[in-house]
Amino acid sequence: MTRAVWFQASPEGAKAVSALHHFVSTGTGLPASLIHLVFLRVSQINGCAHCIDIHTRDLIAEGMSVEKIVLIPVWHEAQYLFSAQERAALAWAEEVTLVSETHASDEAYEAALEAFGEKDLVDLTLTIAAMNAINRMGISFRMKPRAKA
């Protein structure tokens, strides 16, 4: 079954989602590599093939090694590859993406706040929320990855 092309079916909705994505990508002051790292981890948790493809490519373009990228899903076991801020961002991305299970615990919040400060933590959370929204659209409407066989 072919599904709607969501951004064509609802251009105003797509414009709203795009505006949030644009803000978190360019207006937060968070490093681009950190944003793409969070985008990729959220997309991995949600299982969005389209976004996993895009943000893996973005991280490669930012200069992240393939060796590091492939270990993102198991970053807890390869913490030495990730900076303290990257580890904090990955932990908070998991906490927020899995909010129905974690309830954004006080312990996780305190750890993220210590690593980012209030404004950057809000911006990081907006980044996570934006990718969760985009993943839900991509998965629901079966957006295909660019990867070729």
N, C-alpha and C. Protein backbone atom coordinates (compact mmCIF):
# COMPACT_ATOMS: atom_id res chain seq x y z
N MET A 1 0.83 -1.18 0.00
CA MET A 1 0.00 0.00 0.00
C MET A 1 0.88 1.25 0.00
N THR A 2 0.58 2.16 -0.87
CA THR A 2 1.27 3.44 -0.90
C THR A 2 0.63 4.37 0.11
N ARG A 3 1.46 5.05 0.87
CA ARG A 3 0.96 5.98 1.89
C ARG A 3 1.15 7.41 1.42
N ALA A 4 0.43 8.30 2.06
CA ALA A 4 0.49 9.72 1.71
C ALA A 4 1.92 10.25 1.85
N VAL A 5 2.25 11.19 1.01
CA VAL A 5 3.48 11.96 1.16
C VAL A 5 3.10 13.10 2.09
N TRP A 6 3.42 12.93 3.35
CA TRP A 6 2.85 13.79 4.38
C TRP A 6 3.12 15.27 4.19
N PHE A 7 4.30 15.62 3.72
CA PHE A 7 4.63 17.04 3.56
C PHE A 7 3.94 17.65 2.34
N GLN A 8 3.46 16.82 1.41
CA GLN A 8 2.66 17.33 0.30
C GLN A 8 1.19 17.41 0.70
N ALA A 9 0.73 16.43 1.47
CA ALA A 9 -0.67 16.38 1.89
C ALA A 9 -1.00 17.49 2.89
N SER A 10 -0.03 17.88 3.69
CA SER A 10 -0.25 18.92 4.69
C SER A 10 0.93 19.89 4.69
N PRO A 11 0.99 20.77 3.70
CA PRO A 11 2.13 21.68 3.61
C PRO A 11 2.29 22.58 4.84
N GLU A 12 1.17 23.01 5.43
CA GLU A 12 1.27 23.87 6.61
C GLU A 12 1.81 23.09 7.81
N GLY A 13 1.38 21.83 7.94
CA GLY A 13 1.93 20.98 9.00
C GLY A 13 3.41 20.74 8.79
N ALA A 14 3.79 20.47 7.55
CA ALA A 14 5.20 20.26 7.22
C ALA A 14 6.01 21.53 7.51
N LYS A 15 5.43 22.67 7.22
CA LYS A 15 6.11 23.95 7.48
C LYS A 15 6.36 24.12 8.98
N ALA A 16 5.39 23.74 9.81
CA ALA A 16 5.55 23.86 11.26
C ALA A 16 6.65 22.92 11.77
N VAL A 17 6.63 21.68 11.32
CA VAL A 17 7.67 20.72 11.73
C VAL A 17 9.03 21.20 11.22
N SER A 18 9.07 21.69 10.00
CA SER A 18 10.31 22.18 9.41
C SER A 18 10.87 23.38 10.19
N ALA A 19 9.99 24.24 10.67
CA ALA A 19 10.44 25.41 11.43
C ALA A 19 11.13 24.98 12.73
N LEU A 20 10.56 23.99 13.41
CA LEU A 20 11.20 23.50 14.62
C LEU A 20 12.54 22.84 14.28
N HIS A 21 12.56 22.02 13.24
CA HIS A 21 13.81 21.38 12.81
C HIS A 21 14.86 22.44 12.47
N HIS A 22 14.47 23.48 11.76
CA HIS A 22 15.40 24.55 11.40
C HIS A 22 15.94 25.23 12.65
N PHE A 23 15.05 25.53 13.60
CA PHE A 23 15.51 26.18 14.83
C PHE A 23 16.53 25.32 15.56
N VAL A 24 16.23 24.04 15.77
CA VAL A 24 17.15 23.22 16.55
C VAL A 24 18.45 22.96 15.78
N SER A 25 18.39 22.99 14.45
CA SER A 25 19.59 22.76 13.64
C SER A 25 20.48 23.97 13.53
N THR A 26 19.91 25.18 13.64
CA THR A 26 20.70 26.39 13.39
C THR A 26 20.61 27.46 14.47
N GLY A 27 19.63 27.38 15.34
CA GLY A 27 19.41 28.49 16.25
C GLY A 27 19.70 28.24 17.72
N THR A 28 20.20 27.07 18.05
CA THR A 28 20.38 26.76 19.47
C THR A 28 21.76 27.07 20.00
N GLY A 29 22.75 27.05 19.16
CA GLY A 29 24.12 27.19 19.63
C GLY A 29 24.76 25.85 19.99
N LEU A 30 23.97 24.77 19.96
CA LEU A 30 24.54 23.44 20.18
C LEU A 30 25.38 23.06 18.96
N PRO A 31 26.49 22.36 19.15
CA PRO A 31 27.32 21.97 18.00
C PRO A 31 26.55 21.07 17.03
N ALA A 32 26.77 21.29 15.74
CA ALA A 32 26.09 20.50 14.71
C ALA A 32 26.33 19.01 14.90
N SER A 33 27.54 18.63 15.25
CA SER A 33 27.84 17.21 15.42
C SER A 33 27.03 16.61 16.58
N LEU A 34 26.81 17.38 17.62
CA LEU A 34 26.00 16.92 18.76
C LEU A 34 24.54 16.78 18.35
N ILE A 35 24.05 17.71 17.58
CA ILE A 35 22.66 17.66 17.10
C ILE A 35 22.46 16.42 16.24
N HIS A 36 23.37 16.18 15.31
CA HIS A 36 23.24 15.00 14.44
C HIS A 36 23.38 13.70 15.23
N LEU A 37 24.24 13.72 16.24
CA LEU A 37 24.38 12.55 17.11
C LEU A 37 23.06 12.24 17.81
N VAL A 38 22.42 13.26 18.34
CA VAL A 38 21.13 13.09 19.01
C VAL A 38 20.07 12.68 18.00
N PHE A 39 20.03 13.33 16.84
CA PHE A 39 19.07 12.94 15.80
C PHE A 39 19.22 11.46 15.45
N LEU A 40 20.47 11.00 15.32
CA LEU A 40 20.69 9.60 14.96
C LEU A 40 20.25 8.67 16.08
N ARG A 41 20.62 8.98 17.32
CA ARG A 41 20.27 8.07 18.42
C ARG A 41 18.76 7.98 18.60
N VAL A 42 18.06 9.10 18.53
CA VAL A 42 16.60 9.09 18.63
C VAL A 42 16.01 8.26 17.51
N SER A 43 16.52 8.43 16.30
CA SER A 43 16.01 7.69 15.15
C SER A 43 16.29 6.20 15.28
N GLN A 44 17.42 5.83 15.86
CA GLN A 44 17.71 4.42 16.10
C GLN A 44 16.71 3.83 17.08
N ILE A 45 16.43 4.54 18.16
CA ILE A 45 15.48 4.05 19.16
C ILE A 45 14.10 3.86 18.53
N ASN A 46 13.70 4.82 17.71
CA ASN A 46 12.38 4.78 17.09
C ASN A 46 12.31 3.86 15.88
N GLY A 47 13.45 3.50 15.32
CA GLY A 47 13.48 2.62 14.16
C GLY A 47 13.09 3.30 12.87
N CYS A 48 13.49 4.55 12.69
CA CYS A 48 13.17 5.29 11.46
C CYS A 48 14.33 5.16 10.47
N ALA A 49 14.17 4.26 9.50
CA ALA A 49 15.23 3.98 8.53
C ALA A 49 15.62 5.23 7.75
N HIS A 50 14.64 6.02 7.33
CA HIS A 50 14.91 7.24 6.57
C HIS A 50 15.83 8.17 7.35
N CYS A 51 15.51 8.40 8.61
CA CYS A 51 16.29 9.34 9.42
C CYS A 51 17.63 8.76 9.83
N ILE A 52 17.69 7.45 10.08
CA ILE A 52 18.97 6.82 10.40
C ILE A 52 19.92 7.01 9.23
N ASP A 53 19.43 6.81 8.02
CA ASP A 53 20.24 6.99 6.82
C ASP A 53 20.75 8.44 6.73
N ILE A 54 19.85 9.38 6.86
CA ILE A 54 20.22 10.79 6.73
C ILE A 54 21.25 11.20 7.78
N HIS A 55 21.00 10.88 9.04
CA HIS A 55 21.85 11.40 10.11
C HIS A 55 23.16 10.65 10.24
N THR A 56 23.21 9.42 9.76
CA THR A 56 24.50 8.74 9.64
C THR A 56 25.35 9.47 8.62
N ARG A 57 24.75 9.82 7.50
CA ARG A 57 25.47 10.57 6.45
C ARG A 57 25.93 11.93 6.99
N ASP A 58 25.05 12.58 7.76
CA ASP A 58 25.40 13.89 8.33
C ASP A 58 26.61 13.78 9.26
N LEU A 59 26.64 12.75 10.10
CA LEU A 59 27.77 12.58 11.02
C LEU A 59 29.06 12.28 10.27
N ILE A 60 28.97 11.50 9.22
CA ILE A 60 30.15 11.23 8.40
C ILE A 60 30.64 12.54 7.78
N ALA A 61 29.72 13.35 7.28
CA ALA A 61 30.09 14.65 6.69
C ALA A 61 30.71 15.58 7.74
N GLU A 62 30.28 15.44 9.00
CA GLU A 62 30.85 16.25 10.09
C GLU A 62 32.22 15.74 10.52
N GLY A 63 32.62 14.57 10.00
CA GLY A 63 33.94 14.04 10.30
C GLY A 63 33.97 12.93 11.34
N MET A 64 32.80 12.46 11.79
CA MET A 64 32.79 11.36 12.76
C MET A 64 33.17 10.07 12.04
N SER A 65 33.99 9.27 12.71
CA SER A 65 34.44 8.01 12.10
C SER A 65 33.31 7.00 12.06
N VAL A 66 33.35 6.14 11.05
CA VAL A 66 32.38 5.06 10.93
C VAL A 66 32.48 4.16 12.16
N GLU A 67 33.69 3.94 12.65
CA GLU A 67 33.89 3.10 13.82
C GLU A 67 33.10 3.63 15.02
N LYS A 68 33.07 4.92 15.20
CA LYS A 68 32.33 5.53 16.31
C LYS A 68 30.83 5.48 16.03
N ILE A 69 30.43 5.76 14.80
CA ILE A 69 29.02 5.78 14.44
C ILE A 69 28.36 4.43 14.70
N VAL A 70 29.03 3.35 14.32
CA VAL A 70 28.40 2.03 14.47
C VAL A 70 28.24 1.64 15.94
N LEU A 71 28.96 2.31 16.83
CA LEU A 71 28.85 1.99 18.25
C LEU A 71 27.88 2.89 19.01
N ILE A 72 27.23 3.81 18.32
CA ILE A 72 26.27 4.69 18.99
C ILE A 72 25.17 3.90 19.71
N PRO A 73 24.59 2.85 19.12
CA PRO A 73 23.53 2.14 19.84
C PRO A 73 24.01 1.48 21.15
N VAL A 74 25.30 1.25 21.25
CA VAL A 74 25.86 0.62 22.45
C VAL A 74 26.89 1.54 23.10
N TRP A 75 26.62 2.82 23.06
CA TRP A 75 27.57 3.81 23.57
C TRP A 75 27.93 3.58 25.03
N HIS A 76 27.03 3.00 25.80
CA HIS A 76 27.32 2.71 27.22
C HIS A 76 28.53 1.80 27.35
N GLU A 77 28.71 0.91 26.37
CA GLU A 77 29.82 -0.04 26.40
C GLU A 77 31.08 0.53 25.76
N ALA A 78 30.96 1.65 25.09
CA ALA A 78 32.10 2.27 24.41
C ALA A 78 32.20 3.74 24.81
N GLN A 79 31.97 4.02 26.08
CA GLN A 79 31.92 5.41 26.55
C GLN A 79 33.19 6.18 26.26
N TYR A 80 34.32 5.50 26.24
CA TYR A 80 35.60 6.17 26.01
C TYR A 80 35.67 6.87 24.66
N LEU A 81 34.80 6.48 23.71
CA LEU A 81 34.79 7.11 22.39
C LEU A 81 34.03 8.43 22.38
N PHE A 82 33.23 8.68 23.41
CA PHE A 82 32.33 9.82 23.42
C PHE A 82 32.73 10.80 24.52
N SER A 83 32.66 12.09 24.19
CA SER A 83 32.97 13.12 25.19
C SER A 83 31.92 13.11 26.29
N ALA A 84 32.22 13.79 27.38
CA ALA A 84 31.27 13.88 28.49
C ALA A 84 29.95 14.51 28.02
N GLN A 85 30.04 15.54 27.19
CA GLN A 85 28.82 16.18 26.70
C GLN A 85 28.05 15.25 25.76
N GLU A 86 28.75 14.51 24.91
CA GLU A 86 28.08 13.55 24.03
C GLU A 86 27.38 12.46 24.85
N ARG A 87 28.06 11.95 25.87
CA ARG A 87 27.44 10.93 26.73
C ARG A 87 26.20 11.48 27.42
N ALA A 88 26.27 12.70 27.91
CA ALA A 88 25.11 13.32 28.57
C ALA A 88 23.97 13.51 27.58
N ALA A 89 24.29 13.93 26.36
CA ALA A 89 23.26 14.12 25.33
C ALA A 89 22.62 12.80 24.94
N LEU A 90 23.42 11.77 24.78
CA LEU A 90 22.89 10.45 24.43
C LEU A 90 21.98 9.92 25.55
N ALA A 91 22.42 10.07 26.79
CA ALA A 91 21.62 9.60 27.92
C ALA A 91 20.29 10.35 27.99
N TRP A 92 20.33 11.68 27.81
CA TRP A 92 19.09 12.47 27.87
C TRP A 92 18.20 12.15 26.68
N ALA A 93 18.79 11.93 25.51
CA ALA A 93 18.00 11.56 24.32
C ALA A 93 17.24 10.26 24.57
N GLU A 94 17.90 9.30 25.17
CA GLU A 94 17.24 8.04 25.48
C GLU A 94 16.14 8.24 26.53
N GLU A 95 16.44 9.02 27.55
CA GLU A 95 15.47 9.28 28.63
C GLU A 95 14.21 9.95 28.09
N VAL A 96 14.37 10.94 27.23
CA VAL A 96 13.23 11.69 26.71
C VAL A 96 12.48 10.89 25.64
N THR A 97 13.20 10.21 24.78
CA THR A 97 12.55 9.42 23.73
C THR A 97 11.74 8.28 24.34
N LEU A 98 12.21 7.72 25.42
CA LEU A 98 11.52 6.62 26.10
C LEU A 98 10.74 7.12 27.32
N VAL A 99 10.22 8.33 27.22
CA VAL A 99 9.60 9.01 28.37
C VAL A 99 8.44 8.22 28.97
N SER A 100 7.74 7.42 28.18
CA SER A 100 6.64 6.64 28.75
C SER A 100 7.16 5.57 29.72
N GLU A 101 8.42 5.20 29.57
CA GLU A 101 9.05 4.24 30.48
C GLU A 101 9.85 4.93 31.58
N THR A 102 10.55 6.01 31.24
CA THR A 102 11.48 6.65 32.17
C THR A 102 10.85 7.75 33.00
N HIS A 103 9.82 8.38 32.44
CA HIS A 103 9.17 9.53 33.06
C HIS A 103 10.15 10.68 33.31
N ALA A 104 11.21 10.74 32.50
CA ALA A 104 12.22 11.80 32.63
C ALA A 104 12.61 11.98 34.09
N SER A 105 13.27 10.97 34.62
CA SER A 105 13.59 10.90 36.04
C SER A 105 14.36 12.12 36.53
N ASP A 106 14.21 12.39 37.80
CA ASP A 106 14.94 13.50 38.42
C ASP A 106 16.45 13.30 38.31
N GLU A 107 16.89 12.07 38.47
CA GLU A 107 18.32 11.77 38.38
C GLU A 107 18.86 12.07 36.98
N ALA A 108 18.13 11.66 35.98
CA ALA A 108 18.55 11.91 34.60
C ALA A 108 18.53 13.41 34.29
N TYR A 109 17.50 14.09 34.79
CA TYR A 109 17.40 15.54 34.58
C TYR A 109 18.59 16.25 35.22
N GLU A 110 18.90 15.90 36.45
CA GLU A 110 20.01 16.55 37.15
C GLU A 110 21.33 16.32 36.41
N ALA A 111 21.55 15.11 35.92
CA ALA A 111 22.78 14.81 35.19
C ALA A 111 22.86 15.62 33.90
N ALA A 112 21.75 15.71 33.18
CA ALA A 112 21.73 16.47 31.94
C ALA A 112 21.89 17.97 32.22
N LEU A 113 21.24 18.45 33.26
CA LEU A 113 21.35 19.86 33.62
C LEU A 113 22.78 20.23 33.97
N GLU A 114 23.45 19.35 34.69
CA GLU A 114 24.84 19.60 35.06
C GLU A 114 25.74 19.69 33.82
N ALA A 115 25.46 18.87 32.83
CA ALA A 115 26.28 18.84 31.61
C ALA A 115 25.98 20.00 30.67
N PHE A 116 24.74 20.50 30.69
CA PHE A 116 24.34 21.48 29.68
C PHE A 116 23.94 22.84 30.21
N GLY A 117 23.49 22.95 31.43
CA GLY A 117 22.91 24.20 31.88
C GLY A 117 21.48 24.30 31.40
N GLU A 118 20.74 25.23 31.96
CA GLU A 118 19.30 25.29 31.72
C GLU A 118 18.91 25.55 30.27
N LYS A 119 19.46 26.61 29.66
CA LYS A 119 19.06 26.95 28.29
C LYS A 119 19.44 25.86 27.29
N ASP A 120 20.68 25.38 27.38
CA ASP A 120 21.11 24.34 26.45
C ASP A 120 20.34 23.05 26.66
N LEU A 121 19.95 22.76 27.90
CA LEU A 121 19.16 21.55 28.15
C LEU A 121 17.77 21.69 27.53
N VAL A 122 17.18 22.86 27.61
CA VAL A 122 15.89 23.08 26.95
C VAL A 122 16.06 22.93 25.44
N ASP A 123 17.11 23.52 24.89
CA ASP A 123 17.36 23.40 23.45
C ASP A 123 17.64 21.96 23.04
N LEU A 124 18.37 21.23 23.87
CA LEU A 124 18.63 19.81 23.59
C LEU A 124 17.32 19.03 23.62
N THR A 125 16.45 19.34 24.55
CA THR A 125 15.17 18.64 24.65
C THR A 125 14.28 18.98 23.46
N LEU A 126 14.33 20.21 22.99
CA LEU A 126 13.61 20.57 21.76
C LEU A 126 14.17 19.80 20.57
N THR A 127 15.48 19.60 20.54
CA THR A 127 16.11 18.82 19.48
C THR A 127 15.60 17.39 19.49
N ILE A 128 15.53 16.81 20.67
CA ILE A 128 15.03 15.45 20.82
C ILE A 128 13.56 15.38 20.42
N ALA A 129 12.77 16.34 20.86
CA ALA A 129 11.34 16.37 20.53
C ALA A 129 11.12 16.51 19.03
N ALA A 130 11.92 17.37 18.39
CA ALA A 130 11.79 17.56 16.94
C ALA A 130 12.04 16.25 16.20
N MET A 131 13.11 15.54 16.59
CA MET A 131 13.42 14.30 15.88
C MET A 131 12.38 13.23 16.18
N ASN A 132 11.86 13.19 17.37
CA ASN A 132 10.78 12.24 17.67
C ASN A 132 9.57 12.52 16.79
N ALA A 133 9.22 13.78 16.60
CA ALA A 133 8.08 14.13 15.73
C ALA A 133 8.36 13.72 14.29
N ILE A 134 9.54 14.03 13.80
CA ILE A 134 9.89 13.69 12.43
C ILE A 134 9.93 12.18 12.24
N ASN A 135 10.47 11.45 13.20
CA ASN A 135 10.48 9.99 13.12
C ASN A 135 9.07 9.44 13.02
N ARG A 136 8.16 9.97 13.78
CA ARG A 136 6.79 9.48 13.77
C ARG A 136 6.13 9.72 12.41
N MET A 137 6.46 10.83 11.80
CA MET A 137 5.94 11.10 10.46
C MET A 137 6.61 10.18 9.44
N GLY A 138 7.92 10.06 9.53
CA GLY A 138 8.65 9.21 8.58
C GLY A 138 8.23 7.75 8.64
N ILE A 139 8.08 7.24 9.84
CA ILE A 139 7.68 5.84 10.00
C ILE A 139 6.23 5.65 9.57
N SER A 140 5.35 6.52 10.03
CA SER A 140 3.92 6.38 9.73
C SER A 140 3.63 6.42 8.24
N PHE A 141 4.39 7.24 7.51
CA PHE A 141 4.15 7.40 6.08
C PHE A 141 5.20 6.70 5.23
N ARG A 142 6.00 5.81 5.88
CA ARG A 142 6.96 4.93 5.22
C ARG A 142 7.94 5.66 4.29
N MET A 143 8.56 6.71 4.82
CA MET A 143 9.60 7.40 4.05
C MET A 143 10.78 6.46 3.88
N LYS A 144 11.26 6.37 2.68
CA LYS A 144 12.33 5.44 2.35
C LYS A 144 13.70 6.08 2.58
N PRO A 145 14.67 5.28 3.00
CA PRO A 145 16.03 5.79 3.08
C PRO A 145 16.61 5.98 1.67
N ARG A 146 17.67 6.79 1.58
CA ARG A 146 18.33 7.02 0.30
C ARG A 146 19.25 5.86 -0.08
N ALA A 147 19.59 5.02 0.87
CA ALA A 147 20.54 3.92 0.64
C ALA A 147 20.11 3.05 -0.53
N LYS A 148 21.06 2.61 -1.26
CA LYS A 148 20.84 1.71 -2.42
C LYS A 148 21.48 0.37 -2.12
N ALA A 149 20.93 -0.67 -2.72
CA ALA A 149 21.46 -2.03 -2.52
C ALA A 149 22.80 -2.19 -3.19
